[in-house]
């Protein structure tokens, strides 16, 4: 097996034993990126020279006996929604195409402190709004298992680079399933931590009450190692939980006795692909063979999850994205052309030939805002801004937004009740395997329904994880979703590792031509 196909945990052990150097690792991944990324297109930005320099410095410290961090010498890819000092952070949007942050996000700080080697920034749906990574302003990412299909989204680049062996670990974000859905589509493991477990400082916000940063890797052990490095309280994030961080990397392998799993009744019905249902039910049988007991549980309000999410998330997005106006930073429309157009319209209005009154024309500042945002945002982002602005407007706020918040509380109550009976809630991560590129771009509702099983986790603020549990007859990965009580990621990782010790789905890699 190539170095680039090993798990992060295996590579860390080899690095510690000095069986391999960090420079060798970076070169192995650079070679794989050169061979595969022209087709997969997982990365928006790469700096291999900087990665090699960092790897060499870590190798020298290790050789001299100096202390090194927990991720010392291990390459990591970062979704391009986290601020990195001196490196472009575009959120895959034209409006931020030249934005270079002056500071690091807390997660990036922690990765650097752990001596990780940052390979580059991965592609995504613009501002994390999408489920296929087709909404990037720059290019589409493809699925390494079948390059005619999507890798999922919005962390599609983060998942695809793992599946293609272009990085051993990656950082994603999850607002409604954006770690778990692409993890399922690409046959890797991805964990959405409890809201507040990982600092959001330096994360470019989409929906502030839903966004959460999390780890992606080949195995539960990989996710445990990365989560341990990035989790923890941060006084710069008012939503960060002031709780101790367990030693996930040490405890993930502990067996769970008397495990009780709840199979979500509402997740097995109309719309679920038959092969996915069969694979998930087979995965549940594996747990039963390991001593777990399984019972049906109900999340009756989960059927309202998509509707609730697409009121709350766009409402928060319309507020968060108001800052992109062409004045503070980011893209700005061509002011000379804009003023020429405005002057021409004024002359027409004065002459009475435009059908507009002079008083109805924009001021130069308003025109600057309008043109900048029209040119800088893509169609999906505009759709969500308009939807959110509508639901927050006078006369609709109570009818839509406030009602959605009440339903959100009911969804959390369903989970609370389920967790009184079981340790984890289990079901499929997605209703379908990875779909064809372009298949759903003209049907937003169909695209939104791909997050049917993941969105309630974010609305409830709890933890969730997708792990590989099978392949379709066509060779596409299938994901099993495990959801846990708030801040119970330690046992969630143990449950995932328990399954992976008994199966080999996490060892499967896409066949390369």
Protein backbone atom coordinates (compact mmCIF):
# COMPACT_ATOMS: atom_id res chain seq x y z
CA UNK A 1 0.00 0.00 0.00
CA UNK A 2 1.25 3.48 -0.88
CA UNK A 3 2.00 5.92 1.93
CA UNK A 4 -0.78 8.11 0.52
CA UNK A 5 -3.34 5.33 1.12
CA UNK A 6 -2.50 4.76 4.79
CA UNK A 7 -4.63 6.01 7.65
CA UNK A 8 -3.49 9.05 9.60
CA UNK A 9 -3.06 6.93 12.74
CA UNK A 10 -0.71 4.53 10.91
CA UNK A 11 1.32 7.43 9.55
CA UNK A 12 1.61 9.07 12.97
CA UNK A 13 2.99 5.85 14.43
CA UNK A 14 5.49 5.56 11.57
CA UNK A 15 6.52 9.19 12.02
CA UNK A 16 7.04 8.70 15.75
CA UNK A 17 9.11 5.55 15.10
CA UNK A 18 11.03 7.46 12.41
CA UNK A 19 10.16 4.83 9.81
CA UNK A 20 9.12 7.69 7.55
CA UNK A 21 9.86 11.41 7.56
CA UNK A 22 7.41 14.25 7.22
CA UNK A 23 9.22 15.39 4.07
CA UNK A 24 8.67 11.94 2.55
CA UNK A 25 5.00 12.13 3.44
CA UNK A 26 4.50 15.58 1.92
CA UNK A 27 6.28 14.43 -1.24
CA UNK A 28 4.06 11.32 -1.43
CA UNK A 29 0.90 13.42 -1.17
CA UNK A 30 2.25 16.04 -3.58
CA UNK A 31 2.85 13.25 -6.10
CA UNK A 32 -0.69 11.94 -5.63
CA UNK A 33 -2.13 15.46 -5.93
CA UNK A 34 -0.20 15.95 -9.17
CA UNK A 35 -1.56 12.66 -10.50
CA UNK A 36 -5.20 12.96 -9.40
CA UNK A 37 -6.26 16.51 -8.67
CA UNK A 38 -6.47 17.53 -12.30
CA UNK A 39 -9.47 15.20 -12.49
CA UNK A 40 -10.86 15.37 -8.94
CA UNK A 41 -10.25 19.10 -8.36
CA UNK A 42 -10.38 18.90 -4.58
CA UNK A 43 -8.01 21.79 -3.85
CA UNK A 44 -8.60 25.50 -4.36
CA UNK A 45 -5.18 26.54 -3.04
CA UNK A 46 -1.96 24.56 -2.57
CA UNK A 47 1.44 25.55 -1.22
CA UNK A 48 3.63 22.46 -1.40
CA UNK A 49 6.84 24.50 -0.98
CA UNK A 50 5.63 25.91 2.34
CA UNK A 51 4.46 22.43 3.40
CA UNK A 52 7.88 20.93 2.59
CA UNK A 53 9.66 23.68 4.52
CA UNK A 54 7.41 23.07 7.52
CA UNK A 55 7.91 19.28 7.24
CA UNK A 56 11.70 19.68 7.11
CA UNK A 57 11.67 21.88 10.23
CA UNK A 58 9.57 19.31 12.15
CA UNK A 59 11.82 16.43 11.01
CA UNK A 60 14.88 18.30 12.25
CA UNK A 61 13.28 18.99 15.64
CA UNK A 62 12.29 15.35 16.01
CA UNK A 63 15.79 14.16 15.04
CA UNK A 64 17.41 16.45 17.60
CA UNK A 65 15.17 15.17 20.40
CA UNK A 66 13.17 18.36 20.79
CA UNK A 67 9.50 18.05 21.76
CA UNK A 68 6.97 17.94 18.91
CA UNK A 69 3.20 18.24 18.79
CA UNK A 70 0.55 15.52 18.66
CA UNK A 71 0.20 15.79 14.88
CA UNK A 72 3.90 16.36 14.26
CA UNK A 73 4.69 16.10 10.57
CA UNK A 74 1.23 14.91 9.48
CA UNK A 75 -0.28 16.68 6.43
CA UNK A 76 -3.79 18.15 6.86
CA UNK A 77 -6.11 19.78 4.30
CA UNK A 78 -8.42 22.59 5.39
CA UNK A 79 -11.79 23.57 3.95
CA UNK A 80 -11.53 27.05 2.44
CA UNK A 81 -13.97 28.55 4.92
CA UNK A 82 -11.45 28.87 7.77
CA UNK A 83 -9.26 31.95 7.98
CA UNK A 84 -5.56 31.28 7.48
CA UNK A 85 -3.14 34.16 8.02
CA UNK A 86 -1.45 35.22 4.80
CA UNK A 87 -3.29 32.63 2.70
CA UNK A 88 -6.35 33.27 0.53
CA UNK A 89 -9.65 32.32 2.14
CA UNK A 90 -12.32 32.53 -0.55
CA UNK A 91 -15.21 30.36 0.69
CA UNK A 92 -15.30 29.32 -3.01
CA UNK A 93 -16.93 32.67 -3.76
CA UNK A 94 -16.06 35.38 -6.24
CA UNK A 95 -16.88 37.98 -3.62
CA UNK A 96 -13.87 36.82 -1.55
CA UNK A 97 -11.61 35.83 -4.43
CA UNK A 98 -8.71 38.01 -3.24
CA UNK A 99 -9.35 38.01 0.52
CA UNK A 100 -6.24 37.23 2.57
CA UNK A 101 -7.00 37.12 6.31
CA UNK A 102 -4.56 38.77 8.74
CA UNK A 103 -5.14 36.09 11.38
CA UNK A 104 -5.65 32.35 11.85
CA UNK A 105 -8.89 30.71 12.92
CA UNK A 106 -8.60 29.01 16.30
CA UNK A 107 -8.70 25.59 14.63
CA UNK A 108 -5.83 26.59 12.35
CA UNK A 109 -3.90 27.90 15.36
CA UNK A 110 -4.41 24.58 17.12
CA UNK A 111 -3.29 22.59 14.08
CA UNK A 112 -0.11 24.65 13.84
CA UNK A 113 0.48 24.26 17.58
CA UNK A 114 0.14 20.48 17.14
CA UNK A 115 2.81 20.66 14.38
CA UNK A 116 0.48 19.59 11.59
CA UNK A 117 1.68 20.37 8.07
CA UNK A 118 -0.96 22.37 6.22
CA UNK A 119 -1.20 21.21 2.60
CA UNK A 120 -3.78 23.64 1.28
CA UNK A 121 -7.41 24.74 1.15
CA UNK A 122 -10.13 22.51 -0.27
CA UNK A 123 -13.00 23.35 -2.60
CA UNK A 124 -16.55 23.66 -1.32
CA UNK A 125 -20.00 24.93 -2.15
CA UNK A 126 -19.94 28.73 -2.05
CA UNK A 127 -20.19 29.89 1.58
CA UNK A 128 -20.96 26.23 2.45
CA UNK A 129 -24.38 26.49 0.79
CA UNK A 130 -24.96 23.29 -1.10
CA UNK A 131 -24.81 19.51 -1.05
CA UNK A 132 -22.68 18.70 -4.09
CA UNK A 133 -19.73 21.15 -4.37
CA UNK A 134 -21.23 22.21 -7.70
CA UNK A 135 -21.90 25.69 -6.30
CA UNK A 136 -18.23 26.67 -6.12
CA UNK A 137 -17.52 29.86 -8.07
CA UNK A 138 -14.31 28.32 -9.43
CA UNK A 139 -14.87 24.70 -10.49
CA UNK A 140 -16.73 21.52 -9.61
CA UNK A 141 -15.10 18.82 -7.52
CA UNK A 142 -15.73 15.23 -8.61
CA UNK A 143 -16.09 12.01 -6.65
CA UNK A 144 -12.91 9.84 -6.78
CA UNK A 145 -15.06 6.69 -6.85
CA UNK A 146 -16.75 7.87 -10.06
CA UNK A 147 -15.68 11.20 -11.51
CA UNK A 148 -19.03 11.60 -13.27
CA UNK A 149 -20.64 11.95 -9.83
CA UNK A 150 -20.60 14.56 -7.06
CA UNK A 151 -18.50 14.18 -3.90
CA UNK A 152 -21.27 15.68 -1.78
CA UNK A 153 -21.12 19.03 -0.07
CA UNK A 154 -20.48 21.46 1.14
CA UNK A 155 -17.20 19.86 2.32
CA UNK A 156 -16.86 18.02 -0.97
CA UNK A 157 -13.21 18.92 -1.51
CA UNK A 158 -12.33 17.86 2.03
CA UNK A 159 -13.92 14.43 1.50
CA UNK A 160 -12.68 13.95 -2.07
CA UNK A 161 -9.04 14.68 -1.20
CA UNK A 162 -9.20 11.93 1.44
CA UNK A 163 -10.84 9.39 -0.84
CA UNK A 164 -8.31 10.11 -3.60
CA UNK A 165 -5.37 9.73 -1.20
CA UNK A 166 -4.33 13.39 -1.50
CA UNK A 167 -4.32 13.99 2.28
CA UNK A 168 -4.57 11.75 5.35
CA UNK A 169 -6.77 14.16 7.32
CA UNK A 170 -9.00 17.08 6.49
CA UNK A 171 -11.04 19.70 8.28
CA UNK A 172 -14.64 20.21 7.23
CA UNK A 173 -17.61 22.16 8.51
CA UNK A 174 -21.16 20.96 9.02
CA UNK A 175 -24.22 23.24 9.05
CA UNK A 176 -26.83 20.73 7.91
CA UNK A 177 -24.78 17.65 7.01
CA UNK A 178 -21.79 19.12 5.19
CA UNK A 179 -19.26 16.79 6.84
CA UNK A 180 -21.37 13.65 7.07
CA UNK A 181 -23.00 13.67 3.62
CA UNK A 182 -19.74 14.01 1.63
CA UNK A 183 -18.09 11.50 3.98
CA UNK A 184 -20.84 9.02 3.04
CA UNK A 185 -20.58 9.78 -0.68
CA UNK A 186 -16.78 9.43 -0.68
CA UNK A 187 -16.42 6.42 1.62
CA UNK A 188 -14.59 8.13 4.48
CA UNK A 189 -15.33 8.88 8.13
CA UNK A 190 -16.55 12.30 9.19
CA UNK A 191 -17.67 13.67 12.55
CA UNK A 192 -19.86 16.68 13.27
CA UNK A 193 -19.14 17.53 16.92
CA UNK A 194 -21.69 18.90 19.34
CA UNK A 195 -22.31 22.62 18.85
CA UNK A 196 -19.76 24.40 21.03
CA UNK A 197 -17.20 21.56 21.19
CA UNK A 198 -14.91 23.21 18.59
CA UNK A 199 -14.33 26.96 18.42
CA UNK A 200 -15.90 28.79 15.48
CA UNK A 201 -13.57 31.78 15.82
CA UNK A 202 -12.17 32.47 12.36
CA UNK A 203 -14.82 30.40 10.61
CA UNK A 204 -16.55 32.46 7.93
CA UNK A 205 -20.14 32.21 9.11
CA UNK A 206 -23.05 30.74 7.17
CA UNK A 207 -25.62 30.05 9.91
CA UNK A 208 -24.11 30.87 13.28
CA UNK A 209 -26.39 28.72 15.43
CA UNK A 210 -25.80 25.65 13.25
CA UNK A 211 -22.20 25.79 11.94
CA UNK A 212 -19.69 23.41 13.49
CA UNK A 213 -16.14 22.48 12.50
CA UNK A 214 -15.15 18.82 12.58
CA UNK A 215 -12.61 16.16 11.57
CA UNK A 216 -12.59 13.91 8.52
CA UNK A 217 -10.36 10.86 8.05
CA UNK A 218 -10.37 7.27 6.90
CA UNK A 219 -11.16 5.82 10.32
CA UNK A 220 -12.73 6.60 13.67
CA UNK A 221 -9.21 6.64 15.11
CA UNK A 222 -8.17 9.30 12.59
CA UNK A 223 -11.16 11.45 13.58
CA UNK A 224 -10.37 10.93 17.27
CA UNK A 225 -6.78 12.12 16.78
CA UNK A 226 -7.85 15.22 14.88
CA UNK A 227 -10.77 16.11 17.16
CA UNK A 228 -8.51 15.95 20.20
CA UNK A 229 -6.21 18.49 18.52
CA UNK A 230 -8.90 21.02 17.57
CA UNK A 231 -11.52 20.76 20.35
CA UNK A 232 -11.64 22.88 23.48
CA UNK A 233 -12.90 26.10 25.01
CA UNK A 234 -12.04 29.38 23.32
CA UNK A 235 -12.88 32.69 25.05
CA UNK A 236 -12.96 34.37 21.61
CA UNK A 237 -16.07 32.33 20.72
CA UNK A 238 -19.00 33.09 22.99
CA UNK A 239 -20.69 29.82 21.99
CA UNK A 240 -17.66 27.69 22.86
CA UNK A 241 -18.38 25.23 25.67
CA UNK A 242 -16.12 25.50 28.70
CA UNK A 243 -15.75 21.74 29.14
CA UNK A 244 -12.67 19.50 29.37
CA UNK A 245 -11.60 17.68 26.20
CA UNK A 246 -11.37 13.90 26.63
CA UNK A 247 -8.32 12.06 25.33
CA UNK A 248 -10.17 10.78 22.30
CA UNK A 249 -7.03 9.32 20.74
CA UNK A 250 -6.42 7.16 23.81
CA UNK A 251 -9.98 6.10 24.60
CA UNK A 252 -11.45 5.47 21.12
CA UNK A 253 -10.50 1.77 21.29
CA UNK A 254 -12.23 1.04 24.59
CA UNK A 255 -15.05 -1.51 24.22
CA UNK A 256 -18.60 -0.46 24.96
CA UNK A 257 -20.59 -2.86 27.12
CA UNK A 258 -24.37 -3.08 27.05
CA UNK A 259 -24.63 -0.83 24.00
CA UNK A 260 -28.18 0.23 23.11
CA UNK A 261 -28.87 1.47 19.59
CA UNK A 262 -32.02 3.16 18.39
CA UNK A 263 -33.01 2.59 14.77
CA UNK A 264 -34.89 5.67 13.58
CA UNK A 265 -38.29 4.55 12.32
CA UNK A 266 -38.79 7.67 10.16
CA UNK A 267 -35.54 7.07 8.26
CA UNK A 268 -36.77 3.86 6.65
CA UNK A 269 -39.53 4.72 4.27
CA UNK A 270 -40.37 6.42 1.01
CA UNK A 271 -37.34 7.90 -0.72
CA UNK A 272 -34.67 5.66 0.80
CA UNK A 273 -32.59 3.77 -1.76
CA UNK A 274 -33.01 -0.01 -1.36
CA UNK A 275 -29.29 -0.78 -1.42
CA UNK A 276 -28.62 1.81 1.27
CA UNK A 277 -31.37 0.40 3.48
CA UNK A 278 -29.98 -3.12 3.09
CA UNK A 279 -26.42 -1.99 3.92
CA UNK A 280 -27.55 -0.06 7.01
CA UNK A 281 -29.63 -2.95 8.31
CA UNK A 282 -26.66 -5.26 7.76
CA UNK A 283 -24.47 -2.84 9.71
CA UNK A 284 -26.95 -2.94 12.57
CA UNK A 285 -26.69 -6.75 12.55
CA UNK A 286 -22.91 -6.37 12.96
CA UNK A 287 -23.52 -4.32 16.09
CA UNK A 288 -25.95 -6.95 17.36
CA UNK A 289 -23.31 -9.65 16.79
CA UNK A 290 -20.98 -7.56 18.98
CA UNK A 291 -23.47 -7.57 21.84
CA UNK A 292 -25.51 -4.44 21.16
CA UNK A 293 -29.25 -4.39 21.59
CA UNK A 294 -31.31 -2.60 18.95
CA UNK A 295 -34.78 -1.13 19.19
CA UNK A 296 -36.90 1.14 17.04
CA UNK A 297 -37.12 4.76 18.15
CA UNK A 298 -39.17 7.61 16.76
CA UNK A 299 -38.16 11.16 15.89
CA UNK A 300 -41.66 12.31 14.92
CA UNK A 301 -40.73 15.92 14.22
CA UNK A 302 -37.76 15.04 12.00
CA UNK A 303 -40.08 15.22 8.98
CA UNK A 304 -40.16 18.97 9.54
CA UNK A 305 -36.37 19.19 9.67
CA UNK A 306 -35.77 20.34 6.09
CA UNK A 307 -38.51 23.00 6.22
CA UNK A 308 -37.27 24.24 9.60
CA UNK A 309 -33.65 24.31 8.48
CA UNK A 310 -34.45 26.24 5.31
CA UNK A 311 -36.03 28.98 7.37
CA UNK A 312 -33.45 29.24 10.15
CA UNK A 313 -30.26 28.78 8.11
CA UNK A 314 -31.11 31.27 5.32
CA UNK A 315 -32.34 33.78 7.92
CA UNK A 316 -28.97 33.67 9.66
CA UNK A 317 -27.17 33.70 6.31
CA UNK A 318 -29.00 36.83 5.17
CA UNK A 319 -27.68 38.58 8.27
CA UNK A 320 -24.15 37.14 8.16
CA UNK A 321 -23.63 37.86 4.47
CA UNK A 322 -24.83 41.47 4.70
CA UNK A 323 -21.22 42.45 5.44
CA UNK A 324 -20.15 41.70 1.86
CA UNK A 325 -21.07 45.04 0.32
CA UNK A 326 -18.03 46.07 -1.72
CA UNK A 327 -16.94 48.58 0.90
CA UNK A 328 -15.29 46.77 3.79
CA UNK A 329 -13.38 44.01 1.98
CA UNK A 330 -13.70 41.47 -0.77
CA UNK A 331 -14.91 41.96 -4.33
CA UNK A 332 -16.08 45.38 -5.51
CA UNK A 333 -17.85 46.08 -8.79
CA UNK A 334 -16.20 48.27 -11.46
CA UNK A 335 -17.01 51.68 -9.98
CA UNK A 336 -16.21 53.63 -13.14
CA UNK A 337 -18.58 51.53 -15.22
CA UNK A 338 -21.20 51.64 -12.48
CA UNK A 339 -21.11 55.46 -12.30
CA UNK A 340 -21.27 55.75 -16.09
CA UNK A 341 -24.39 53.54 -16.10
CA UNK A 342 -25.97 55.57 -13.31
CA UNK A 343 -25.25 58.89 -15.06
CA UNK A 344 -26.74 57.55 -18.28
CA UNK A 345 -29.89 56.48 -16.43
CA UNK A 346 -30.13 59.92 -14.78
CA UNK A 347 -29.94 61.64 -18.17
CA UNK A 348 -32.65 59.35 -19.53
CA UNK A 349 -34.83 60.02 -16.48
CA UNK A 350 -34.35 63.78 -16.82
CA UNK A 351 -35.27 63.56 -20.48
CA UNK A 352 -38.32 61.47 -19.59
CA UNK A 353 -37.30 58.62 -21.86
CA UNK A 354 -36.52 55.85 -19.40
CA UNK A 355 -39.88 55.33 -17.77
CA UNK A 356 -38.27 56.08 -14.40
CA UNK A 357 -38.54 59.13 -12.21
CA UNK A 358 -35.23 60.64 -11.19
CA UNK A 359 -36.13 60.15 -7.53
CA UNK A 360 -36.51 56.42 -8.09
CA UNK A 361 -32.89 55.89 -9.14
CA UNK A 362 -30.29 54.42 -6.82
CA UNK A 363 -27.79 56.58 -5.01
CA UNK A 364 -24.17 55.73 -6.01
CA UNK A 365 -23.69 53.87 -2.71
CA UNK A 366 -26.82 51.77 -3.11
CA UNK A 367 -25.85 50.99 -6.70
CA UNK A 368 -22.40 49.92 -5.47
CA UNK A 369 -24.01 47.51 -2.99
CA UNK A 370 -26.45 46.11 -5.52
CA UNK A 371 -23.98 45.49 -8.33
CA UNK A 372 -21.26 44.15 -6.05
CA UNK A 373 -23.57 41.59 -4.48
CA UNK A 374 -25.24 40.68 -7.78
CA UNK A 375 -21.87 40.02 -9.41
CA UNK A 376 -20.08 38.55 -6.39
CA UNK A 377 -22.59 35.97 -5.14
CA UNK A 378 -23.61 32.82 -7.01
CA UNK A 379 -27.22 31.71 -7.66
CA UNK A 380 -27.58 29.44 -4.61
CA UNK A 381 -26.24 32.05 -2.21
CA UNK A 382 -28.59 34.66 -3.68
CA UNK A 383 -31.50 32.23 -3.34
CA UNK A 384 -30.80 31.70 0.35
CA UNK A 385 -30.21 35.38 1.09
CA UNK A 386 -33.56 36.24 -0.49
CA UNK A 387 -35.34 33.43 1.35
CA UNK A 388 -33.81 34.48 4.66
CA UNK A 389 -34.54 38.17 4.15
CA UNK A 390 -38.16 37.31 3.34
CA UNK A 391 -38.67 35.17 6.46
CA UNK A 392 -37.18 37.88 8.68
CA UNK A 393 -39.22 40.71 7.17
CA UNK A 394 -42.07 42.49 8.91
CA UNK A 395 -45.25 40.45 8.84
CA UNK A 396 -43.46 37.14 8.24
CA UNK A 397 -41.02 36.95 11.15
CA UNK A 398 -43.54 35.45 13.56
CA UNK A 399 -45.24 33.31 10.93
CA UNK A 400 -42.04 31.67 9.73
CA UNK A 401 -38.89 32.34 11.76
CA UNK A 402 -40.37 32.20 15.26
CA UNK A 403 -42.43 29.15 14.35
CA UNK A 404 -39.31 27.44 12.97
CA UNK A 405 -37.51 28.05 16.26
CA UNK A 406 -40.39 26.37 18.11
CA UNK A 407 -40.21 23.33 15.81
CA UNK A 408 -36.46 23.24 16.33
CA UNK A 409 -37.07 22.84 20.05
CA UNK A 410 -39.50 20.00 19.36
CA UNK A 411 -36.86 18.24 17.26
CA UNK A 412 -34.37 18.53 20.12
CA UNK A 413 -37.04 17.15 22.45
CA UNK A 414 -37.44 14.09 20.22
CA UNK A 415 -33.73 13.35 20.59
CA UNK A 416 -33.84 13.92 24.35
CA UNK A 417 -36.62 11.39 24.63
CA UNK A 418 -34.84 8.87 22.39
CA UNK A 419 -31.63 9.14 24.42
CA UNK A 420 -33.55 8.20 27.55
CA UNK A 421 -33.97 4.75 25.98
CA UNK A 422 -30.81 4.28 23.85
CA UNK A 423 -27.15 5.30 23.74
CA UNK A 424 -27.02 6.22 20.05
CA UNK A 425 -29.47 6.89 17.26
CA UNK A 426 -28.61 4.94 14.10
CA UNK A 427 -29.69 5.17 10.48
CA UNK A 428 -28.54 5.98 6.95
CA UNK A 429 -26.48 9.12 6.41
CA UNK A 430 -28.07 9.85 3.03
CA UNK A 431 -31.19 8.62 1.22
CA UNK A 432 -29.21 7.99 -2.01
CA UNK A 433 -25.66 7.24 -3.09
CA UNK A 434 -23.63 9.94 -4.87
CA UNK A 435 -25.65 11.31 -7.77
CA UNK A 436 -24.50 12.43 -11.21
CA UNK A 437 -22.95 15.85 -11.76
CA UNK A 438 -25.69 18.22 -12.92
CA UNK A 439 -28.48 15.83 -11.98
CA UNK A 440 -30.01 18.06 -9.31
CA UNK A 441 -28.73 21.54 -10.11
CA UNK A 442 -32.05 22.61 -11.66
CA UNK A 443 -34.09 21.16 -8.81
CA UNK A 444 -33.10 22.85 -5.50
CA UNK A 445 -35.73 20.98 -3.46
CA UNK A 446 -34.40 17.61 -4.64
CA UNK A 447 -30.90 18.76 -3.66
CA UNK A 448 -32.09 19.92 -0.23
CA UNK A 449 -33.73 16.54 0.44
CA UNK A 450 -30.30 14.87 0.24
CA UNK A 451 -29.78 16.27 3.78
CA UNK A 452 -33.01 14.75 5.09
CA UNK A 453 -31.28 12.57 7.71
CA UNK A 454 -28.48 14.96 8.69
CA UNK A 455 -30.20 18.31 9.18
CA UNK A 456 -32.01 17.38 12.46
CA UNK A 457 -28.63 16.74 14.13
CA UNK A 458 -27.62 20.37 13.59
CA UNK A 459 -31.01 21.71 14.62
CA UNK A 460 -30.70 19.75 17.88
CA UNK A 461 -27.06 20.80 18.39
CA UNK A 462 -25.90 17.23 19.10
CA UNK A 463 -23.04 15.14 17.69
CA UNK A 464 -23.23 12.95 14.61
CA UNK A 465 -20.85 10.80 12.59
CA UNK A 466 -20.87 9.00 9.25
CA UNK A 467 -18.77 5.88 8.72
CA UNK A 468 -18.52 3.63 5.65
CA UNK A 469 -20.80 0.58 5.85
CA UNK A 470 -21.02 -0.79 2.32
CA UNK A 471 -20.88 -0.31 -1.43
CA UNK A 472 -23.69 -0.31 -3.98
CA UNK A 473 -23.66 -2.79 -6.86
CA UNK A 474 -22.26 0.06 -8.92
CA UNK A 475 -19.35 0.47 -6.50
CA UNK A 476 -20.47 3.65 -4.73
CA UNK A 477 -19.91 4.10 -0.97
CA UNK A 478 -22.72 3.93 1.59
CA UNK A 479 -22.60 5.73 4.94
CA UNK A 480 -23.99 4.73 8.34
CA UNK A 481 -24.92 7.63 10.61
CA UNK A 482 -24.53 7.47 14.39
CA UNK A 483 -25.89 10.33 16.51
CA UNK A 484 -25.07 10.89 20.17
CA UNK A 485 -26.08 12.94 23.18
CA UNK A 486 -24.54 16.40 23.41
CA UNK A 487 -20.79 16.24 24.17
CA UNK A 488 -20.73 12.44 24.05
CA UNK A 489 -18.21 12.31 21.18
CA UNK A 490 -15.89 10.06 23.18
CA UNK A 491 -18.40 7.21 23.23
CA UNK A 492 -19.52 8.02 19.69
CA UNK A 493 -15.96 7.43 18.47
CA UNK A 494 -15.78 4.25 20.51
CA UNK A 495 -18.98 2.97 18.88
CA UNK A 496 -17.66 3.82 15.41
CA UNK A 497 -14.31 2.12 16.13
CA UNK A 498 -16.20 -0.93 17.41
CA UNK A 499 -17.86 -1.30 14.00
CA UNK A 500 -14.63 -0.70 12.10
CA UNK A 501 -12.77 -3.37 14.04
CA UNK A 502 -15.40 -5.87 12.86
CA UNK A 503 -15.62 -4.74 9.21
CA UNK A 504 -13.31 -3.54 6.46
CA UNK A 505 -15.45 -0.96 4.64
CA UNK A 506 -13.21 1.85 5.91
CA UNK A 507 -10.24 0.15 4.20
CA UNK A 508 -11.80 0.32 0.73
CA UNK A 509 -10.25 2.77 -1.70
CA UNK A 510 -11.50 3.86 -5.13
CA UNK A 511 -9.91 2.12 -8.11
CA UNK A 512 -7.69 4.48 -10.08
CA UNK A 513 -7.42 4.28 -13.84
